[in-house]
Amino acid sequence: MMPNDPVMLLSYVNTQLRDHYESLQDFCSANNADPEALKGKLAAIDYEYDAETNQFV
């Protein structure tokens, strides 16, 4: 289960992307998550997904 707190979510997602997934789409597919909702939640704390580095920055 993913954390609800945006800062904890950021840490969790970036760790998962770094250690287990090649893209945000792969992560979302494996975790039944909506990529746009995830991007929106992290955009609220001024982070956006960078496909080149495969992390939220």
PDB file of N, CA and C in Angstrom:
ATOM      1  N   MET A   1       0.841  -1.186   0.000  1.00  0.00           N
ATOM      2  CA  MET A   1       0.000   0.000   0.000  1.00  0.00           C
ATOM      3  C   MET A   1       0.883   1.245   0.000  1.00  0.00           C
ATOM      4  N   MET A   2       0.531   2.193  -0.832  1.00  0.00           N
ATOM      5  CA  MET A   2       1.317   3.420  -0.934  1.00  0.00           C
ATOM      6  C   MET A   2       0.918   4.416   0.153  1.00  0.00           C
ATOM      7  N   PRO A   3       1.898   5.167   0.633  1.00  0.00           N
ATOM      8  CA  PRO A   3       1.596   6.187   1.656  1.00  0.00           C
ATOM      9  C   PRO A   3       0.667   7.273   1.109  1.00  0.00           C
ATOM     10  N   ASN A   4      -0.135   7.860   1.982  1.00  0.00           N
ATOM     11  CA  ASN A   4      -1.010   8.971   1.600  1.00  0.00           C
ATOM     12  C   ASN A   4      -0.312  10.317   1.696  1.00  0.00           C
ATOM     13  N   ASP A   5       0.593  10.455   2.653  1.00  0.00           N
ATOM     14  CA  ASP A   5       1.326  11.712   2.823  1.00  0.00           C
ATOM     15  C   ASP A   5       2.179  11.952   1.581  1.00  0.00           C
ATOM     16  N   PRO A   6       2.066  13.116   0.949  1.00  0.00           N
ATOM     17  CA  PRO A   6       2.797  13.363  -0.292  1.00  0.00           C
ATOM     18  C   PRO A   6       4.326  13.236  -0.176  1.00  0.00           C
ATOM     19  N   VAL A   7       4.899  13.667   0.927  1.00  0.00           N
ATOM     20  CA  VAL A   7       6.354  13.581   1.087  1.00  0.00           C
ATOM     21  C   VAL A   7       6.790  12.129   1.249  1.00  0.00           C
ATOM     22  N   MET A   8       6.038  11.363   2.017  1.00  0.00           N
ATOM     23  CA  MET A   8       6.340   9.938   2.162  1.00  0.00           C
ATOM     24  C   MET A   8       6.108   9.216   0.832  1.00  0.00           C
ATOM     25  N   LEU A   9       5.076   9.612   0.125  1.00  0.00           N
ATOM     26  CA  LEU A   9       4.787   9.034  -1.186  1.00  0.00           C
ATOM     27  C   LEU A   9       5.934   9.289  -2.150  1.00  0.00           C
ATOM     28  N   LEU A  10       6.450  10.496  -2.156  1.00  0.00           N
ATOM     29  CA  LEU A  10       7.593  10.847  -3.004  1.00  0.00           C
ATOM     30  C   LEU A  10       8.771   9.921  -2.728  1.00  0.00           C
ATOM     31  N   SER A  11       9.117   9.763  -1.486  1.00  0.00           N
ATOM     32  CA  SER A  11      10.233   8.904  -1.111  1.00  0.00           C
ATOM     33  C   SER A  11       9.973   7.457  -1.533  1.00  0.00           C
ATOM     34  N   TYR A  12       8.778   6.977  -1.276  1.00  0.00           N
ATOM     35  CA  TYR A  12       8.424   5.599  -1.609  1.00  0.00           C
ATOM     36  C   TYR A  12       8.503   5.366  -3.119  1.00  0.00           C
ATOM     37  N   VAL A  13       7.862   6.241  -3.889  1.00  0.00           N
ATOM     38  CA  VAL A  13       7.810   6.064  -5.339  1.00  0.00           C
ATOM     39  C   VAL A  13       9.203   6.158  -5.941  1.00  0.00           C
ATOM     40  N   ASN A  14       9.986   7.146  -5.552  1.00  0.00           N
ATOM     41  CA  ASN A  14      11.327   7.276  -6.117  1.00  0.00           C
ATOM     42  C   ASN A  14      12.199   6.068  -5.777  1.00  0.00           C
ATOM     43  N   THR A  15      12.060   5.543  -4.586  1.00  0.00           N
ATOM     44  CA  THR A  15      12.822   4.345  -4.212  1.00  0.00           C
ATOM     45  C   THR A  15      12.388   3.157  -5.064  1.00  0.00           C
ATOM     46  N   GLN A  16      11.086   2.993  -5.234  1.00  0.00           N
ATOM     47  CA  GLN A  16      10.582   1.892  -6.053  1.00  0.00           C
ATOM     48  C   GLN A  16      11.040   2.031  -7.506  1.00  0.00           C
ATOM     49  N   LEU A  17      10.969   3.252  -8.034  1.00  0.00           N
ATOM     50  CA  LEU A  17      11.408   3.479  -9.412  1.00  0.00           C
ATOM     51  C   LEU A  17      12.893   3.159  -9.566  1.00  0.00           C
ATOM     52  N   ARG A  18      13.680   3.591  -8.623  1.00  0.00           N
ATOM     53  CA  ARG A  18      15.127   3.350  -8.677  1.00  0.00           C
ATOM     54  C   ARG A  18      15.463   1.870  -8.578  1.00  0.00           C
ATOM     55  N   ASP A  19      14.801   1.171  -7.686  1.00  0.00           N
ATOM     56  CA  ASP A  19      15.190  -0.205  -7.373  1.00  0.00           C
ATOM     57  C   ASP A  19      14.486  -1.285  -8.189  1.00  0.00           C
ATOM     58  N   HIS A  20      13.288  -0.991  -8.720  1.00  0.00           N
ATOM     59  CA  HIS A  20      12.492  -2.085  -9.291  1.00  0.00           C
ATOM     60  C   HIS A  20      11.854  -1.833 -10.655  1.00  0.00           C
ATOM     61  N   TYR A  21      11.703  -0.600 -11.075  1.00  0.00           N
ATOM     62  CA  TYR A  21      10.917  -0.328 -12.282  1.00  0.00           C
ATOM     63  C   TYR A  21      11.684   0.534 -13.269  1.00  0.00           C
ATOM     64  N   GLU A  22      11.445   0.275 -14.551  1.00  0.00           N
ATOM     65  CA  GLU A  22      12.129   1.014 -15.615  1.00  0.00           C
ATOM     66  C   GLU A  22      11.398   2.291 -16.004  1.00  0.00           C
ATOM     67  N   SER A  23      10.133   2.417 -15.572  1.00  0.00           N
ATOM     68  CA  SER A  23       9.360   3.609 -15.918  1.00  0.00           C
ATOM     69  C   SER A  23       8.226   3.796 -14.917  1.00  0.00           C
ATOM     70  N   LEU A  24       7.661   4.991 -14.941  1.00  0.00           N
ATOM     71  CA  LEU A  24       6.500   5.263 -14.094  1.00  0.00           C
ATOM     72  C   LEU A  24       5.326   4.380 -14.512  1.00  0.00           C
ATOM     73  N   GLN A  25       5.174   4.157 -15.797  1.00  0.00           N
ATOM     74  CA  GLN A  25       4.089   3.305 -16.281  1.00  0.00           C
ATOM     75  C   GLN A  25       4.233   1.882 -15.748  1.00  0.00           C
ATOM     76  N   ASP A  26       5.452   1.346 -15.736  1.00  0.00           N
ATOM     77  CA  ASP A  26       5.686   0.004 -15.183  1.00  0.00           C
ATOM     78  C   ASP A  26       5.294  -0.039 -13.706  1.00  0.00           C
ATOM     79  N   PHE A  27       5.708   0.979 -12.960  1.00  0.00           N
ATOM     80  CA  PHE A  27       5.379   1.057 -11.530  1.00  0.00           C
ATOM     81  C   PHE A  27       3.867   1.099 -11.333  1.00  0.00           C
ATOM     82  N   CYS A  28       3.189   1.971 -12.085  1.00  0.00           N
ATOM     83  CA  CYS A  28       1.744   2.122 -11.926  1.00  0.00           C
ATOM     84  C   CYS A  28       0.999   0.854 -12.324  1.00  0.00           C
ATOM     85  N   SER A  29       1.431   0.204 -13.378  1.00  0.00           N
ATOM     86  CA  SER A  29       0.789  -1.047 -13.804  1.00  0.00           C
ATOM     87  C   SER A  29       0.923  -2.117 -12.726  1.00  0.00           C
ATOM     88  N   ALA A  30       2.102  -2.240 -12.161  1.00  0.00           N
ATOM     89  CA  ALA A  30       2.348  -3.265 -11.142  1.00  0.00           C
ATOM     90  C   ALA A  30       1.608  -2.975  -9.840  1.00  0.00           C
ATOM     91  N   ASN A  31       1.315  -1.701  -9.581  1.00  0.00           N
ATOM     92  CA  ASN A  31       0.695  -1.313  -8.317  1.00  0.00           C
ATOM     93  C   ASN A  31      -0.749  -0.835  -8.468  1.00  0.00           C
ATOM     94  N   ASN A  32      -1.341  -1.077  -9.631  1.00  0.00           N
ATOM     95  CA  ASN A  32      -2.718  -0.645  -9.902  1.00  0.00           C
ATOM     96  C   ASN A  32      -2.942   0.813  -9.517  1.00  0.00           C
ATOM     97  N   ALA A  33      -2.008   1.662  -9.931  1.00  0.00           N
ATOM     98  CA  ALA A  33      -2.082   3.094  -9.615  1.00  0.00           C
ATOM     99  C   ALA A  33      -2.343   3.888 -10.893  1.00  0.00           C
ATOM    100  N   ASP A  34      -3.031   4.988 -10.747  1.00  0.00           N
ATOM    101  CA  ASP A  34      -3.304   5.895 -11.859  1.00  0.00           C
ATOM    102  C   ASP A  34      -2.121   6.860 -11.985  1.00  0.00           C
ATOM    103  N   PRO A  35      -1.371   6.809 -13.093  1.00  0.00           N
ATOM    104  CA  PRO A  35      -0.192   7.671 -13.220  1.00  0.00           C
ATOM    105  C   PRO A  35      -0.521   9.159 -13.152  1.00  0.00           C
ATOM    106  N   GLU A  36      -1.668   9.551 -13.705  1.00  0.00           N
ATOM    107  CA  GLU A  36      -2.025  10.976 -13.674  1.00  0.00           C
ATOM    108  C   GLU A  36      -2.373  11.427 -12.256  1.00  0.00           C
ATOM    109  N   ALA A  37      -3.042  10.580 -11.503  1.00  0.00           N
ATOM    110  CA  ALA A  37      -3.360  10.915 -10.110  1.00  0.00           C
ATOM    111  C   ALA A  37      -2.080  11.014  -9.287  1.00  0.00           C
ATOM    112  N   LEU A  38      -1.168  10.099  -9.526  1.00  0.00           N
ATOM    113  CA  LEU A  38       0.113  10.114  -8.815  1.00  0.00           C
ATOM    114  C   LEU A  38       0.894  11.381  -9.157  1.00  0.00           C
ATOM    115  N   LYS A  39       0.962  11.704 -10.436  1.00  0.00           N
ATOM    116  CA  LYS A  39       1.649  12.930 -10.861  1.00  0.00           C
ATOM    117  C   LYS A  39       0.997  14.160 -10.219  1.00  0.00           C
ATOM    118  N   GLY A  40      -0.328  14.164 -10.161  1.00  0.00           N
ATOM    119  CA  GLY A  40      -1.041  15.295  -9.569  1.00  0.00           C
ATOM    120  C   GLY A  40      -0.756  15.454  -8.096  1.00  0.00           C
ATOM    121  N   LYS A  41      -0.723  14.345  -7.384  1.00  0.00           N
ATOM    122  CA  LYS A  41      -0.460  14.399  -5.945  1.00  0.00           C
ATOM    123  C   LYS A  41       0.945  14.926  -5.669  1.00  0.00           C
ATOM    124  N   LEU A  42       1.907  14.506  -6.484  1.00  0.00           N
ATOM    125  CA  LEU A  42       3.286  14.959  -6.266  1.00  0.00           C
ATOM    126  C   LEU A  42       3.523  16.357  -6.842  1.00  0.00           C
ATOM    127  N   ALA A  43       2.731  16.750  -7.828  1.00  0.00           N
ATOM    128  CA  ALA A  43       2.813  18.119  -8.340  1.00  0.00           C
ATOM    129  C   ALA A  43       2.385  19.111  -7.259  1.00  0.00           C
ATOM    130  N   ALA A  44       1.506  18.669  -6.370  1.00  0.00           N
ATOM    131  CA  ALA A  44       1.042  19.539  -5.284  1.00  0.00           C
ATOM    132  C   ALA A  44       2.172  19.931  -4.339  1.00  0.00           C
ATOM    133  N   ILE A  45       3.249  19.150  -4.328  1.00  0.00           N
ATOM    134  CA  ILE A  45       4.413  19.519  -3.508  1.00  0.00           C
ATOM    135  C   ILE A  45       5.601  19.879  -4.409  1.00  0.00           C
ATOM    136  N   ASP A  46       5.261  20.313  -5.631  1.00  0.00           N
ATOM    137  CA  ASP A  46       6.231  20.834  -6.604  1.00  0.00           C
ATOM    138  C   ASP A  46       7.231  19.814  -7.130  1.00  0.00           C
ATOM    139  N   TYR A  47       6.781  18.586  -7.342  1.00  0.00           N
ATOM    140  CA  TYR A  47       7.623  17.563  -7.965  1.00  0.00           C
ATOM    141  C   TYR A  47       6.950  17.096  -9.243  1.00  0.00           C
ATOM    142  N   GLU A  48       7.746  16.849 -10.262  1.00  0.00           N
ATOM    143  CA  GLU A  48       7.214  16.301 -11.505  1.00  0.00           C
ATOM    144  C   GLU A  48       8.088  15.148 -11.954  1.00  0.00           C
ATOM    145  N   TYR A  49       7.486  14.250 -12.715  1.00  0.00           N
ATOM    146  CA  TYR A  49       8.189  13.058 -13.167  1.00  0.00           C
ATOM    147  C   TYR A  49       9.131  13.411 -14.312  1.00  0.00           C
ATOM    148  N   ASP A  50      10.371  12.962 -14.202  1.00  0.00           N
ATOM    149  CA  ASP A  50      11.368  13.123 -15.247  1.00  0.00           C
ATOM    150  C   ASP A  50      11.666  11.740 -15.820  1.00  0.00           C
ATOM    151  N   ALA A  51      11.190  11.476 -17.033  1.00  0.00           N
ATOM    152  CA  ALA A  51      11.345  10.162 -17.650  1.00  0.00           C
ATOM    153  C   ALA A  51      12.813   9.822 -17.901  1.00  0.00           C
ATOM    154  N   GLU A  52      13.613  10.815 -18.169  1.00  0.00           N
ATOM    155  CA  GLU A  52      15.041  10.578 -18.467  1.00  0.00           C
ATOM    156  C   GLU A  52      15.766   9.990 -17.263  1.00  0.00           C
ATOM    157  N   THR A  53      15.460  10.478 -16.066  1.00  0.00           N
ATOM    158  CA  THR A  53      16.116   9.975 -14.868  1.00  0.00           C
ATOM    159  C   THR A  53      15.234   8.967 -14.115  1.00  0.00           C
ATOM    160  N   ASN A  54      13.988   8.790 -14.588  1.00  0.00           N
ATOM    161  CA  ASN A  54      13.026   7.882 -13.985  1.00  0.00           C
ATOM    162  C   ASN A  54      12.836   8.169 -12.501  1.00  0.00           C
ATOM    163  N   GLN A  55      12.558   9.442 -12.213  1.00  0.00           N
ATOM    164  CA  GLN A  55      12.291   9.825 -10.829  1.00  0.00           C
ATOM    165  C   GLN A  55      11.506  11.129 -10.813  1.00  0.00           C
ATOM    166  N   PHE A  56      10.909  11.410  -9.670  1.00  0.00           N
ATOM    167  CA  PHE A  56      10.250  12.691  -9.465  1.00  0.00           C
ATOM    168  C   PHE A  56      11.291  13.663  -8.926  1.00  0.00           C
ATOM    169  N   VAL A  57      11.378  14.803  -9.600  1.00  0.00           N
ATOM    170  CA  VAL A  57      12.360  15.822  -9.203  1.00  0.00           C
ATOM    171  C   VAL A  57      11.689  17.164  -9.015  1.00  0.00           C
TER     172      VAL A  57
END
